[in-house]
Amino acid sequence: PLLYYENNLHSLIYLLQECKKHGVYNFIFSSSCTVYGEP
């Protein structure tokens, strides 16, 4: 699990920080149906 938390969250946070700094405002995120769990 630690590999996943480090890789998936840090990368997103660092990108968003640069978006704010450089005025990049169009952002599409690759999400997943896994967020619904057992529906």
Full PDB file with SEQRES, HELIX, SHEET, SSBOND, CRYST1, ORIGX, SCALE, CONECT and MASTER records, all heavy atoms in Angstrom:
SEQRES   1 A   39  PRO LEU LEU TYR TYR GLU ASN ASN LEU HIS SER LEU ILE          
SEQRES   2 A   39  TYR LEU LEU GLN GLU CYS LYS LYS HIS GLY VAL TYR ASN          
SEQRES   3 A   39  PHE ILE PHE SER SER SER CYS THR VAL TYR GLY GLU PRO          
HELIX    1 AA1 LEU A    2  HIS A   22  1                                  21    
HELIX    2 AA2 CYS A   33  TYR A   36  5                                   4    
CRYST1    1.000    1.000    1.000  90.00  90.00  90.00 P 1           1          
ORIGX1      1.000000  0.000000  0.000000        0.00000                         
ORIGX2      0.000000  1.000000  0.000000        0.00000                         
ORIGX3      0.000000  0.000000  1.000000        0.00000                         
SCALE1      1.000000  0.000000  0.000000        0.00000                         
SCALE2      0.000000  1.000000  0.000000        0.00000                         
SCALE3      0.000000  0.000000  1.000000        0.00000                         
ATOM      1  N   PRO A   1       0.797  -1.233   0.000  1.00  0.00           N  
ATOM      2  CA  PRO A   1       0.000   0.000   0.000  1.00  0.00           C  
ATOM      3  C   PRO A   1       0.825   1.277   0.000  1.00  0.00           C  
ATOM      4  O   PRO A   1       0.432   2.273  -0.616  1.00  0.00           O  
ATOM      5  CB  PRO A   1      -0.851  -0.121   1.266  1.00  0.00           C  
ATOM      6  CG  PRO A   1      -0.133  -1.104   2.132  1.00  0.00           C  
ATOM      7  CD  PRO A   1       0.545  -2.055   1.200  1.00  0.00           C  
ATOM      8  N   LEU A   2       1.981   1.283   0.672  1.00  0.00           N  
ATOM      9  CA  LEU A   2       2.762   2.519   0.756  1.00  0.00           C  
ATOM     10  C   LEU A   2       3.274   2.960  -0.612  1.00  0.00           C  
ATOM     11  O   LEU A   2       3.339   4.151  -0.899  1.00  0.00           O  
ATOM     12  CB  LEU A   2       3.928   2.338   1.731  1.00  0.00           C  
ATOM     13  CG  LEU A   2       3.534   2.171   3.202  1.00  0.00           C  
ATOM     14  CD1 LEU A   2       4.778   1.997   4.060  1.00  0.00           C  
ATOM     15  CD2 LEU A   2       2.720   3.370   3.687  1.00  0.00           C  
ATOM     16  N   LEU A   3       3.624   1.987  -1.456  1.00  0.00           N  
ATOM     17  CA  LEU A   3       4.028   2.314  -2.822  1.00  0.00           C  
ATOM     18  C   LEU A   3       2.922   3.080  -3.534  1.00  0.00           C  
ATOM     19  O   LEU A   3       3.173   4.079  -4.223  1.00  0.00           O  
ATOM     20  CB  LEU A   3       4.337   1.024  -3.588  1.00  0.00           C  
ATOM     21  CG  LEU A   3       4.513   1.173  -5.105  1.00  0.00           C  
ATOM     22  CD1 LEU A   3       5.786   1.933  -5.424  1.00  0.00           C  
ATOM     23  CD2 LEU A   3       4.510  -0.194  -5.787  1.00  0.00           C  
ATOM     24  N   TYR A   4       1.695   2.628  -3.342  1.00  0.00           N  
ATOM     25  CA  TYR A   4       0.558   3.241  -4.022  1.00  0.00           C  
ATOM     26  C   TYR A   4       0.249   4.628  -3.482  1.00  0.00           C  
ATOM     27  O   TYR A   4      -0.048   5.543  -4.244  1.00  0.00           O  
ATOM     28  CB  TYR A   4      -0.659   2.314  -3.942  1.00  0.00           C  
ATOM     29  CG  TYR A   4      -0.626   1.292  -5.049  1.00  0.00           C  
ATOM     30  CD1 TYR A   4       0.371   0.310  -5.069  1.00  0.00           C  
ATOM     31  CD2 TYR A   4      -1.504   1.341  -6.105  1.00  0.00           C  
ATOM     32  CE1 TYR A   4       0.465  -0.594  -6.098  1.00  0.00           C  
ATOM     33  CE2 TYR A   4      -1.437   0.438  -7.151  1.00  0.00           C  
ATOM     34  CZ  TYR A   4      -0.451  -0.530  -7.147  1.00  0.00           C  
ATOM     35  OH  TYR A   4      -0.363  -1.412  -8.184  1.00  0.00           O  
ATOM     36  N   TYR A   5       0.307   4.794  -2.178  1.00  0.00           N  
ATOM     37  CA  TYR A   5       0.031   6.118  -1.612  1.00  0.00           C  
ATOM     38  C   TYR A   5       1.105   7.124  -2.018  1.00  0.00           C  
ATOM     39  O   TYR A   5       0.792   8.270  -2.363  1.00  0.00           O  
ATOM     40  CB  TYR A   5      -0.105   6.032  -0.085  1.00  0.00           C  
ATOM     41  CG  TYR A   5      -1.392   5.367   0.338  1.00  0.00           C  
ATOM     42  CD1 TYR A   5      -1.389   4.170   1.032  1.00  0.00           C  
ATOM     43  CD2 TYR A   5      -2.623   5.932   0.005  1.00  0.00           C  
ATOM     44  CE1 TYR A   5      -2.581   3.554   1.398  1.00  0.00           C  
ATOM     45  CE2 TYR A   5      -3.812   5.323   0.361  1.00  0.00           C  
ATOM     46  CZ  TYR A   5      -3.788   4.131   1.061  1.00  0.00           C  
ATOM     47  OH  TYR A   5      -4.971   3.524   1.405  1.00  0.00           O  
ATOM     48  N   GLU A   6       2.355   6.695  -2.007  1.00  0.00           N  
ATOM     49  CA  GLU A   6       3.421   7.618  -2.406  1.00  0.00           C  
ATOM     50  C   GLU A   6       3.306   7.995  -3.877  1.00  0.00           C  
ATOM     51  O   GLU A   6       3.287   9.174  -4.243  1.00  0.00           O  
ATOM     52  CB  GLU A   6       4.800   6.995  -2.160  1.00  0.00           C  
ATOM     53  CG  GLU A   6       5.943   7.918  -2.592  1.00  0.00           C  
ATOM     54  CD  GLU A   6       7.302   7.251  -2.627  1.00  0.00           C  
ATOM     55  OE1 GLU A   6       7.361   6.022  -2.841  1.00  0.00           O  
ATOM     56  OE2 GLU A   6       8.298   7.966  -2.466  1.00  0.00           O  
ATOM     57  N   ASN A   7       3.195   6.997  -4.730  1.00  0.00           N  
ATOM     58  CA  ASN A   7       3.230   7.245  -6.170  1.00  0.00           C  
ATOM     59  C   ASN A   7       1.997   8.001  -6.646  1.00  0.00           C  
ATOM     60  O   ASN A   7       2.096   8.981  -7.384  1.00  0.00           O  
ATOM     61  CB  ASN A   7       3.352   5.920  -6.915  1.00  0.00           C  
ATOM     62  CG  ASN A   7       3.727   6.101  -8.369  1.00  0.00           C  
ATOM     63  OD1 ASN A   7       4.601   6.902  -8.695  1.00  0.00           O  
ATOM     64  ND2 ASN A   7       3.057   5.382  -9.244  1.00  0.00           N  
ATOM     65  N   ASN A   8       0.821   7.569  -6.232  1.00  0.00           N  
ATOM     66  CA  ASN A   8      -0.410   8.116  -6.788  1.00  0.00           C  
ATOM     67  C   ASN A   8      -0.786   9.471  -6.209  1.00  0.00           C  
ATOM     68  O   ASN A   8      -1.395  10.290  -6.902  1.00  0.00           O  
ATOM     69  CB  ASN A   8      -1.559   7.127  -6.594  1.00  0.00           C  
ATOM     70  CG  ASN A   8      -1.350   5.838  -7.377  1.00  0.00           C  
ATOM     71  OD1 ASN A   8      -0.313   5.641  -8.002  1.00  0.00           O  
ATOM     72  ND2 ASN A   8      -2.330   4.944  -7.345  1.00  0.00           N  
ATOM     73  N   LEU A   9      -0.430   9.729  -4.959  1.00  0.00           N  
ATOM     74  CA  LEU A   9      -0.820  11.000  -4.348  1.00  0.00           C  
ATOM     75  C   LEU A   9       0.235  12.082  -4.527  1.00  0.00           C  
ATOM     76  O   LEU A   9      -0.094  13.227  -4.847  1.00  0.00           O  
ATOM     77  CB  LEU A   9      -1.137  10.794  -2.862  1.00  0.00           C  
ATOM     78  CG  LEU A   9      -2.282   9.813  -2.576  1.00  0.00           C  
ATOM     79  CD1 LEU A   9      -2.544   9.729  -1.070  1.00  0.00           C  
ATOM     80  CD2 LEU A   9      -3.561  10.184  -3.318  1.00  0.00           C  
ATOM     81  N   HIS A  10       1.499  11.748  -4.332  1.00  0.00           N  
ATOM     82  CA  HIS A  10       2.548  12.761  -4.476  1.00  0.00           C  
ATOM     83  C   HIS A  10       2.566  13.338  -5.887  1.00  0.00           C  
ATOM     84  O   HIS A  10       2.694  14.547  -6.089  1.00  0.00           O  
ATOM     85  CB  HIS A  10       3.925  12.174  -4.142  1.00  0.00           C  
ATOM     86  CG  HIS A  10       4.146  11.979  -2.674  1.00  0.00           C  
ATOM     87  ND1 HIS A  10       5.387  11.756  -2.128  1.00  0.00           N  
ATOM     88  CD2 HIS A  10       3.287  11.971  -1.635  1.00  0.00           C  
ATOM     89  CE1 HIS A  10       5.287  11.624  -0.819  1.00  0.00           C  
ATOM     90  NE2 HIS A  10       4.012  11.735  -0.506  1.00  0.00           N  
ATOM     91  N   SER A  11       2.441  12.455  -6.879  1.00  0.00           N  
ATOM     92  CA  SER A  11       2.493  12.932  -8.264  1.00  0.00           C  
ATOM     93  C   SER A  11       1.371  13.922  -8.550  1.00  0.00           C  
ATOM     94  O   SER A  11       1.587  14.948  -9.202  1.00  0.00           O  
ATOM     95  CB  SER A  11       2.420  11.750  -9.230  1.00  0.00           C  
ATOM     96  OG  SER A  11       1.210  11.025  -9.067  1.00  0.00           O  
ATOM     97  N   LEU A  12       0.173  13.635  -8.060  1.00  0.00           N  
ATOM     98  CA  LEU A  12      -0.959  14.540  -8.280  1.00  0.00           C  
ATOM     99  C   LEU A  12      -0.733  15.882  -7.593  1.00  0.00           C  
ATOM    100  O   LEU A  12      -0.954  16.948  -8.191  1.00  0.00           O  
ATOM    101  CB  LEU A  12      -2.247  13.904  -7.773  1.00  0.00           C  
ATOM    102  CG  LEU A  12      -3.490  14.802  -7.822  1.00  0.00           C  
ATOM    103  CD1 LEU A  12      -3.834  15.173  -9.265  1.00  0.00           C  
ATOM    104  CD2 LEU A  12      -4.666  14.118  -7.135  1.00  0.00           C  
ATOM    105  N   ILE A  13      -0.287  15.849  -6.359  1.00  0.00           N  
ATOM    106  CA  ILE A  13      -0.078  17.085  -5.598  1.00  0.00           C  
ATOM    107  C   ILE A  13       0.975  17.966  -6.262  1.00  0.00           C  
ATOM    108  O   ILE A  13       0.784  19.179  -6.425  1.00  0.00           O  
ATOM    109  CB  ILE A  13       0.330  16.754  -4.145  1.00  0.00           C  
ATOM    110  CG1 ILE A  13      -0.863  16.135  -3.396  1.00  0.00           C  
ATOM    111  CG2 ILE A  13       0.826  18.004  -3.413  1.00  0.00           C  
ATOM    112  CD1 ILE A  13      -0.490  15.505  -2.067  1.00  0.00           C  
ATOM    113  N   TYR A  14       2.079  17.374  -6.699  1.00  0.00           N  
ATOM    114  CA  TYR A  14       3.145  18.164  -7.323  1.00  0.00           C  
ATOM    115  C   TYR A  14       2.679  18.767  -8.646  1.00  0.00           C  
ATOM    116  O   TYR A  14       3.020  19.915  -8.971  1.00  0.00           O  
ATOM    117  CB  TYR A  14       4.390  17.305  -7.533  1.00  0.00           C  
ATOM    118  CG  TYR A  14       5.006  16.778  -6.255  1.00  0.00           C  
ATOM    119  CD1 TYR A  14       5.789  15.631  -6.245  1.00  0.00           C  
ATOM    120  CD2 TYR A  14       4.774  17.419  -5.030  1.00  0.00           C  
ATOM    121  CE1 TYR A  14       6.351  15.145  -5.075  1.00  0.00           C  
ATOM    122  CE2 TYR A  14       5.329  16.932  -3.857  1.00  0.00           C  
ATOM    123  CZ  TYR A  14       6.115  15.793  -3.877  1.00  0.00           C  
ATOM    124  OH  TYR A  14       6.653  15.306  -2.708  1.00  0.00           O  
ATOM    125  N   LEU A  15       1.878  18.031  -9.403  1.00  0.00           N  
ATOM    126  CA  LEU A  15       1.338  18.578 -10.653  1.00  0.00           C  
ATOM    127  C   LEU A  15       0.415  19.761 -10.377  1.00  0.00           C  
ATOM    128  O   LEU A  15       0.495  20.797 -11.044  1.00  0.00           O  
ATOM    129  CB  LEU A  15       0.570  17.497 -11.414  1.00  0.00           C  
ATOM    130  CG  LEU A  15       1.390  16.458 -12.172  1.00  0.00           C  
ATOM    131  CD1 LEU A  15       0.469  15.372 -12.719  1.00  0.00           C  
ATOM    132  CD2 LEU A  15       2.173  17.107 -13.320  1.00  0.00           C  
ATOM    133  N   LEU A  16      -0.465  19.612  -9.399  1.00  0.00           N  
ATOM    134  CA  LEU A  16      -1.407  20.690  -9.094  1.00  0.00           C  
ATOM    135  C   LEU A  16      -0.692  21.936  -8.577  1.00  0.00           C  
ATOM    136  O   LEU A  16      -1.095  23.065  -8.876  1.00  0.00           O  
ATOM    137  CB  LEU A  16      -2.442  20.210  -8.072  1.00  0.00           C  
ATOM    138  CG  LEU A  16      -3.462  19.192  -8.605  1.00  0.00           C  
ATOM    139  CD1 LEU A  16      -4.329  18.675  -7.465  1.00  0.00           C  
ATOM    140  CD2 LEU A  16      -4.328  19.806  -9.706  1.00  0.00           C  
ATOM    141  N   GLN A  17       0.369  21.748  -7.825  1.00  0.00           N  
ATOM    142  CA  GLN A  17       1.141  22.896  -7.356  1.00  0.00           C  
ATOM    143  C   GLN A  17       1.743  23.657  -8.538  1.00  0.00           C  
ATOM    144  O   GLN A  17       1.751  24.898  -8.547  1.00  0.00           O  
ATOM    145  CB  GLN A  17       2.241  22.423  -6.398  1.00  0.00           C  
ATOM    146  CG  GLN A  17       1.706  21.985  -5.037  1.00  0.00           C  
ATOM    147  CD  GLN A  17       2.770  21.345  -4.154  1.00  0.00           C  
ATOM    148  OE1 GLN A  17       3.795  20.859  -4.636  1.00  0.00           O  
ATOM    149  NE2 GLN A  17       2.525  21.339  -2.848  1.00  0.00           N  
ATOM    150  N   GLU A  18       2.225  22.928  -9.539  1.00  0.00           N  
ATOM    151  CA  GLU A  18       2.792  23.573 -10.718  1.00  0.00           C  
ATOM    152  C   GLU A  18       1.705  24.204 -11.587  1.00  0.00           C  
ATOM    153  O   GLU A  18       1.929  25.249 -12.211  1.00  0.00           O  
ATOM    154  CB  GLU A  18       3.621  22.576 -11.529  1.00  0.00           C  
ATOM    155  CG  GLU A  18       4.858  22.074 -10.807  1.00  0.00           C  
ATOM    156  CD  GLU A  18       5.787  23.182 -10.350  1.00  0.00           C  
ATOM    157  OE1 GLU A  18       5.969  24.152 -11.125  1.00  0.00           O  
ATOM    158  OE2 GLU A  18       6.333  23.088  -9.234  1.00  0.00           O  
ATOM    159  N   CYS A  19       0.530  23.589 -11.629  1.00  0.00           N  
ATOM    160  CA  CYS A  19      -0.594  24.189 -12.358  1.00  0.00           C  
ATOM    161  C   CYS A  19      -0.905  25.572 -11.787  1.00  0.00           C  
ATOM    162  O   CYS A  19      -1.105  26.545 -12.534  1.00  0.00           O  
ATOM    163  CB  CYS A  19      -1.843  23.303 -12.248  1.00  0.00           C  
ATOM    164  SG  CYS A  19      -1.806  21.827 -13.271  1.00  0.00           S  
ATOM    165  N   LYS A  20      -0.960  25.661 -10.485  1.00  0.00           N  
ATOM    166  CA  LYS A  20      -1.264  26.932  -9.817  1.00  0.00           C  
ATOM    167  C   LYS A  20      -0.167  27.959 -10.086  1.00  0.00           C  
ATOM    168  O   LYS A  20      -0.441  29.129 -10.391  1.00  0.00           O  
ATOM    169  CB  LYS A  20      -1.416  26.692  -8.314  1.00  0.00           C  
ATOM    170  CG  LYS A  20      -1.985  27.864  -7.547  1.00  0.00           C  
ATOM    171  CD  LYS A  20      -2.208  27.472  -6.088  1.00  0.00           C  
ATOM    172  CE  LYS A  20      -2.867  28.584  -5.306  1.00  0.00           C  
ATOM    173  NZ  LYS A  20      -4.271  28.821  -5.713  1.00  0.00           N  
ATOM    174  N   LYS A  21       1.082  27.501 -10.023  1.00  0.00           N  
ATOM    175  CA  LYS A  21       2.220  28.395 -10.199  1.00  0.00           C  
ATOM    176  C   LYS A  21       2.308  28.918 -11.627  1.00  0.00           C  
ATOM    177  O   LYS A  21       2.640  30.096 -11.856  1.00  0.00           O  
ATOM    178  CB  LYS A  21       3.505  27.647  -9.825  1.00  0.00           C  
ATOM    179  CG  LYS A  21       4.784  28.469  -9.979  1.00  0.00           C  
ATOM    180  CD  LYS A  21       5.997  27.641  -9.555  1.00  0.00           C  
ATOM    181  CE  LYS A  21       7.293  28.405  -9.788  1.00  0.00           C  
ATOM    182  NZ  LYS A  21       8.483  27.579  -9.426  1.00  0.00           N  
ATOM    183  N   HIS A  22       1.988  28.066 -12.616  1.00  0.00           N  
ATOM    184  CA  HIS A  22       2.213  28.412 -14.023  1.00  0.00           C  
ATOM    185  C   HIS A  22       0.927  28.716 -14.777  1.00  0.00           C  
ATOM    186  O   HIS A  22       0.972  28.940 -15.988  1.00  0.00           O  
ATOM    187  CB  HIS A  22       2.963  27.271 -14.722  1.00  0.00           C  
ATOM    188  CG  HIS A  22       4.382  27.110 -14.245  1.00  0.00           C  
ATOM    189  ND1 HIS A  22       5.436  27.807 -14.789  1.00  0.00           N  
ATOM    190  CD2 HIS A  22       4.907  26.340 -13.259  1.00  0.00           C  
ATOM    191  CE1 HIS A  22       6.555  27.459 -14.167  1.00  0.00           C  
ATOM    192  NE2 HIS A  22       6.263  26.565 -13.241  1.00  0.00           N  
ATOM    193  N   GLY A  23      -0.210  28.729 -14.090  1.00  0.00           N  
ATOM    194  CA  GLY A  23      -1.465  29.077 -14.749  1.00  0.00           C  
ATOM    195  C   GLY A  23      -1.956  28.040 -15.745  1.00  0.00           C  
ATOM    196  O   GLY A  23      -2.473  28.384 -16.813  1.00  0.00           O  
ATOM    197  N   VAL A  24      -1.778  26.773 -15.412  1.00  0.00           N  
ATOM    198  CA  VAL A  24      -2.298  25.687 -16.256  1.00  0.00           C  
ATOM    199  C   VAL A  24      -3.622  25.243 -15.636  1.00  0.00           C  
ATOM    200  O   VAL A  24      -3.643  24.656 -14.562  1.00  0.00           O  
ATOM    201  CB  VAL A  24      -1.312  24.504 -16.322  1.00  0.00           C  
ATOM    202  CG1 VAL A  24      -1.859  23.405 -17.235  1.00  0.00           C  
ATOM    203  CG2 VAL A  24       0.059  24.965 -16.793  1.00  0.00           C  
ATOM    204  N   TYR A  25      -4.725  25.508 -16.304  1.00  0.00           N  
ATOM    205  CA  TYR A  25      -6.033  25.369 -15.650  1.00  0.00           C  
ATOM    206  C   TYR A  25      -6.906  24.231 -16.172  1.00  0.00           C  
ATOM    207  O   TYR A  25      -7.939  23.939 -15.582  1.00  0.00           O  
ATOM    208  CB  TYR A  25      -6.799  26.689 -15.759  1.00  0.00           C  
ATOM    209  CG  TYR A  25      -6.131  27.830 -15.026  1.00  0.00           C  
ATOM    210  CD1 TYR A  25      -5.878  29.046 -15.662  1.00  0.00           C  
ATOM    211  CD2 TYR A  25      -5.727  27.680 -13.706  1.00  0.00           C  
ATOM    212  CE1 TYR A  25      -5.247  30.086 -14.987  1.00  0.00           C  
ATOM    213  CE2 TYR A  25      -5.093  28.715 -13.023  1.00  0.00           C  
ATOM    214  CZ  TYR A  25      -4.861  29.921 -13.664  1.00  0.00           C  
ATOM    215  OH  TYR A  25      -4.237  30.954 -13.005  1.00  0.00           O  
ATOM    216  N   ASN A  26      -6.515  23.594 -17.287  1.00  0.00           N  
ATOM    217  CA  ASN A  26      -7.319  22.494 -17.827  1.00  0.00           C  
ATOM    218  C   ASN A  26      -6.694  21.162 -17.417  1.00  0.00           C  
ATOM    219  O   ASN A  26      -5.563  20.862 -17.807  1.00  0.00           O  
ATOM    220  CB  ASN A  26      -7.389  22.586 -19.357  1.00  0.00           C  
ATOM    221  CG  ASN A  26      -8.017  23.881 -19.819  1.00  0.00           C  
ATOM    222  OD1 ASN A  26      -9.078  24.275 -19.345  1.00  0.00           O  
ATOM    223  ND2 ASN A  26      -7.353  24.562 -20.755  1.00  0.00           N  
ATOM    224  N   PHE A  27      -7.439  20.386 -16.633  1.00  0.00           N  
ATOM    225  CA  PHE A  27      -6.855  19.191 -16.011  1.00  0.00           C  
ATOM    226  C   PHE A  27      -7.858  18.038 -16.080  1.00  0.00           C  
ATOM    227  O   PHE A  27      -8.989  18.157 -15.592  1.00  0.00           O  
ATOM    228  CB  PHE A  27      -6.519  19.483 -14.547  1.00  0.00           C  
ATOM    229  CG  PHE A  27      -5.601  18.482 -13.892  1.00  0.00           C  
ATOM    230  CD1 PHE A  27      -4.255  18.762 -13.721  1.00  0.00           C  
ATOM    231  CD2 PHE A  27      -6.091  17.266 -13.424  1.00  0.00           C  
ATOM    232  CE1 PHE A  27      -3.409  17.853 -13.104  1.00  0.00           C  
ATOM    233  CE2 PHE A  27      -5.258  16.352 -12.811  1.00  0.00           C  
ATOM    234  CZ  PHE A  27      -3.899  16.640 -12.652  1.00  0.00           C  
ATOM    235  N   ILE A  28      -7.438  16.951 -16.695  1.00  0.00           N  
ATOM    236  CA  ILE A  28      -8.271  15.743 -16.753  1.00  0.00           C  
ATOM    237  C   ILE A  28      -7.592  14.647 -15.936  1.00  0.00           C  
ATOM    238  O   ILE A  28      -6.402  14.372 -16.118  1.00  0.00           O  
ATOM    239  CB  ILE A  28      -8.486  15.284 -18.203  1.00  0.00           C  
ATOM    240  CG1 ILE A  28      -9.308  16.329 -18.948  1.00  0.00           C  
ATOM    241  CG2 ILE A  28      -9.192  13.929 -18.241  1.00  0.00           C  
ATOM    242  CD1 ILE A  28      -9.461  16.049 -20.417  1.00  0.00           C  
ATOM    243  N   PHE A  29      -8.371  14.059 -15.039  1.00  0.00           N  
ATOM    244  CA  PHE A  29      -7.829  13.054 -14.125  1.00  0.00           C  
ATOM    245  C   PHE A  29      -8.333  11.664 -14.487  1.00  0.00           C  
ATOM    246  O   PHE A  29      -9.525  11.454 -14.693  1.00  0.00           O  
ATOM    247  CB  PHE A  29      -8.223  13.387 -12.683  1.00  0.00           C  
ATOM    248  CG  PHE A  29      -7.747  12.364 -11.679  1.00  0.00           C  
ATOM    249  CD1 PHE A  29      -6.392  12.159 -11.492  1.00  0.00           C  
ATOM    250  CD2 PHE A  29      -8.648  11.614 -10.941  1.00  0.00           C  
ATOM    251  CE1 PHE A  29      -5.937  11.211 -10.576  1.00  0.00           C  
ATOM    252  CE2 PHE A  29      -8.213  10.682 -10.016  1.00  0.00           C  
ATOM    253  CZ  PHE A  29      -6.850  10.476  -9.839  1.00  0.00           C  
ATOM    254  N   SER A  30      -7.401  10.744 -14.540  1.00  0.00           N  
ATOM    255  CA  SER A  30      -7.712   9.340 -14.805  1.00  0.00           C  
ATOM    256  C   SER A  30      -8.167   8.681 -13.511  1.00  0.00           C  
ATOM    257  O   SER A  30      -7.364   8.273 -12.687  1.00  0.00           O  
ATOM    258  CB  SER A  30      -6.440   8.651 -15.337  1.00  0.00           C  
ATOM    259  OG  SER A  30      -6.582   7.259 -15.330  1.00  0.00           O  
ATOM    260  N   SER A  31      -9.483   8.589 -13.336  1.00  0.00           N  
ATOM    261  CA  SER A  31     -10.027   7.983 -12.129  1.00  0.00           C  
ATOM    262  C   SER A  31     -10.544   6.588 -12.448  1.00  0.00           C  
ATOM    263  O   SER A  31     -10.233   6.012 -13.494  1.00  0.00           O  
ATOM    264  CB  SER A  31     -11.120   8.872 -11.533  1.00  0.00           C  
ATOM    265  OG  SER A  31     -11.464   8.433 -10.228  1.00  0.00           O  
ATOM    266  N   SER A  32     -11.354   6.042 -11.564  1.00  0.00           N  
ATOM    267  CA  SER A  32     -11.709   4.641 -11.694  1.00  0.00           C  
ATOM    268  C   SER A  32     -13.040   4.333 -11.027  1.00  0.00           C  
ATOM    269  O   SER A  32     -13.423   4.979 -10.040  1.00  0.00           O  
ATOM    270  CB  SER A  32     -10.614   3.786 -11.043  1.00  0.00           C  
ATOM    271  OG  SER A  32     -11.029   2.458 -10.876  1.00  0.00           O  
ATOM    272  N   CYS A  33     -13.715   3.331 -11.562  1.00  0.00           N  
ATOM    273  CA  CYS A  33     -14.961   2.885 -10.940  1.00  0.00           C  
ATOM    274  C   CYS A  33     -14.721   2.250  -9.577  1.00  0.00           C  
ATOM    275  O   CYS A  33     -15.676   1.992  -8.833  1.00  0.00           O  
ATOM    276  CB  CYS A  33     -15.672   1.889 -11.846  1.00  0.00           C  
ATOM    277  SG  CYS A  33     -14.763   0.346 -12.111  1.00  0.00           S  
ATOM    278  N   THR A  34     -13.460   2.009  -9.218  1.00  0.00           N  
ATOM    279  CA  THR A  34     -13.178   1.438  -7.906  1.00  0.00           C  
ATOM    280  C   THR A  34     -13.634   2.358  -6.773  1.00  0.00           C  
ATOM    281  O   THR A  34     -13.817   1.893  -5.649  1.00  0.00           O  
ATOM    282  CB  THR A  34     -11.670   1.157  -7.728  1.00  0.00           C  
ATOM    283  OG1 THR A  34     -10.941   2.376  -7.908  1.00  0.00           O  
ATOM    284  CG2 THR A  34     -11.188   0.125  -8.721  1.00  0.00           C  
ATOM    285  N   VAL A  35     -13.835   3.649  -7.065  1.00  0.00           N  
ATOM    286  CA  VAL A  35     -14.281   4.565  -6.009  1.00  0.00           C  
ATOM    287  C   VAL A  35     -15.671   4.192  -5.490  1.00  0.00           C  
ATOM    288  O   VAL A  35     -16.050   4.567  -4.382  1.00  0.00           O  
ATOM    289  CB  VAL A  35     -14.280   6.037  -6.462  1.00  0.00           C  
ATOM    290  CG1 VAL A  35     -12.898   6.455  -6.923  1.00  0.00           C  
ATOM    291  CG2 VAL A  35     -15.306   6.298  -7.549  1.00  0.00           C  
ATOM    292  N   TYR A  36     -16.436   3.427  -6.275  1.00  0.00           N  
ATOM    293  CA  TYR A  36     -17.785   3.053  -5.860  1.00  0.00           C  
ATOM    294  C   TYR A  36     -17.788   1.840  -4.939  1.00  0.00           C  
ATOM    295  O   TYR A  36     -18.822   1.516  -4.346  1.00  0.00           O  
ATOM    296  CB  TYR A  36     -18.658   2.756  -7.084  1.00  0.00           C  
ATOM    297  CG  TYR A  36     -18.852   3.934  -8.001  1.00  0.00           C  
ATOM    298  CD1 TYR A  36     -18.354   3.924  -9.306  1.00  0.00           C  
ATOM    299  CD2 TYR A  36     -19.537   5.065  -7.581  1.00  0.00           C  
ATOM    300  CE1 TYR A  36     -18.538   4.999 -10.160  1.00  0.00           C  
ATOM    301  CE2 TYR A  36     -19.723   6.152  -8.435  1.00  0.00           C  
ATOM    302  CZ  TYR A  36     -19.227   6.106  -9.720  1.00  0.00           C  
ATOM    303  OH  TYR A  36     -19.419   7.181 -10.557  1.00  0.00           O  
ATOM    304  N   GLY A  37     -16.648   1.153  -4.840  1.00  0.00           N  
ATOM    305  CA  GLY A  37     -16.598  -0.031  -4.001  1.00  0.00           C  
ATOM    306  C   GLY A  37     -17.607  -1.071  -4.457  1.00  0.00           C  
ATOM    307  O   GLY A  37     -17.856  -1.248  -5.644  1.00  0.00           O  
ATOM    308  N   GLU A  38     -18.205  -1.760  -3.486  1.00  0.00           N  
ATOM    309  CA  GLU A  38     -19.278  -2.708  -3.787  1.00  0.00           C  
ATOM    310  C   GLU A  38     -20.571  -1.912  -3.898  1.00  0.00           C  
ATOM    311  O   GLU A  38     -21.099  -1.427  -2.904  1.00  0.00           O  
ATOM    312  CB  GLU A  38     -19.388  -3.747  -2.668  1.00  0.00           C  
ATOM    313  CG  GLU A  38     -20.187  -4.977  -3.021  1.00  0.00           C  
ATOM    314  CD  GLU A  38     -19.440  -5.914  -3.961  1.00  0.00           C  
ATOM    315  OE1 GLU A  38     -18.458  -6.538  -3.537  1.00  0.00           O  
ATOM    316  OE2 GLU A  38     -19.874  -6.008  -5.123  1.00  0.00           O  
ATOM    317  N   PRO A  39     -21.090  -1.720  -5.099  1.00  0.00           N  
ATOM    318  CA  PRO A  39     -22.217  -0.795  -5.290  1.00  0.00           C  
ATOM    319  C   PRO A  39     -23.518  -1.309  -4.689  1.00  0.00           C  
ATOM    320  O   PRO A  39     -23.748  -2.523  -4.602  1.00  0.00           O  
ATOM    321  CB  PRO A  39     -22.321  -0.676  -6.810  1.00  0.00           C  
ATOM    322  CG  PRO A  39     -21.749  -1.959  -7.325  1.00  0.00           C  
ATOM    323  CD  PRO A  39     -20.658  -2.333  -6.370  1.00  0.00           C  
TER     324      PRO A  39                                                      
MASTER        0    0    0    2    0    0    0    6  323    1    0    3          
END                                                                             
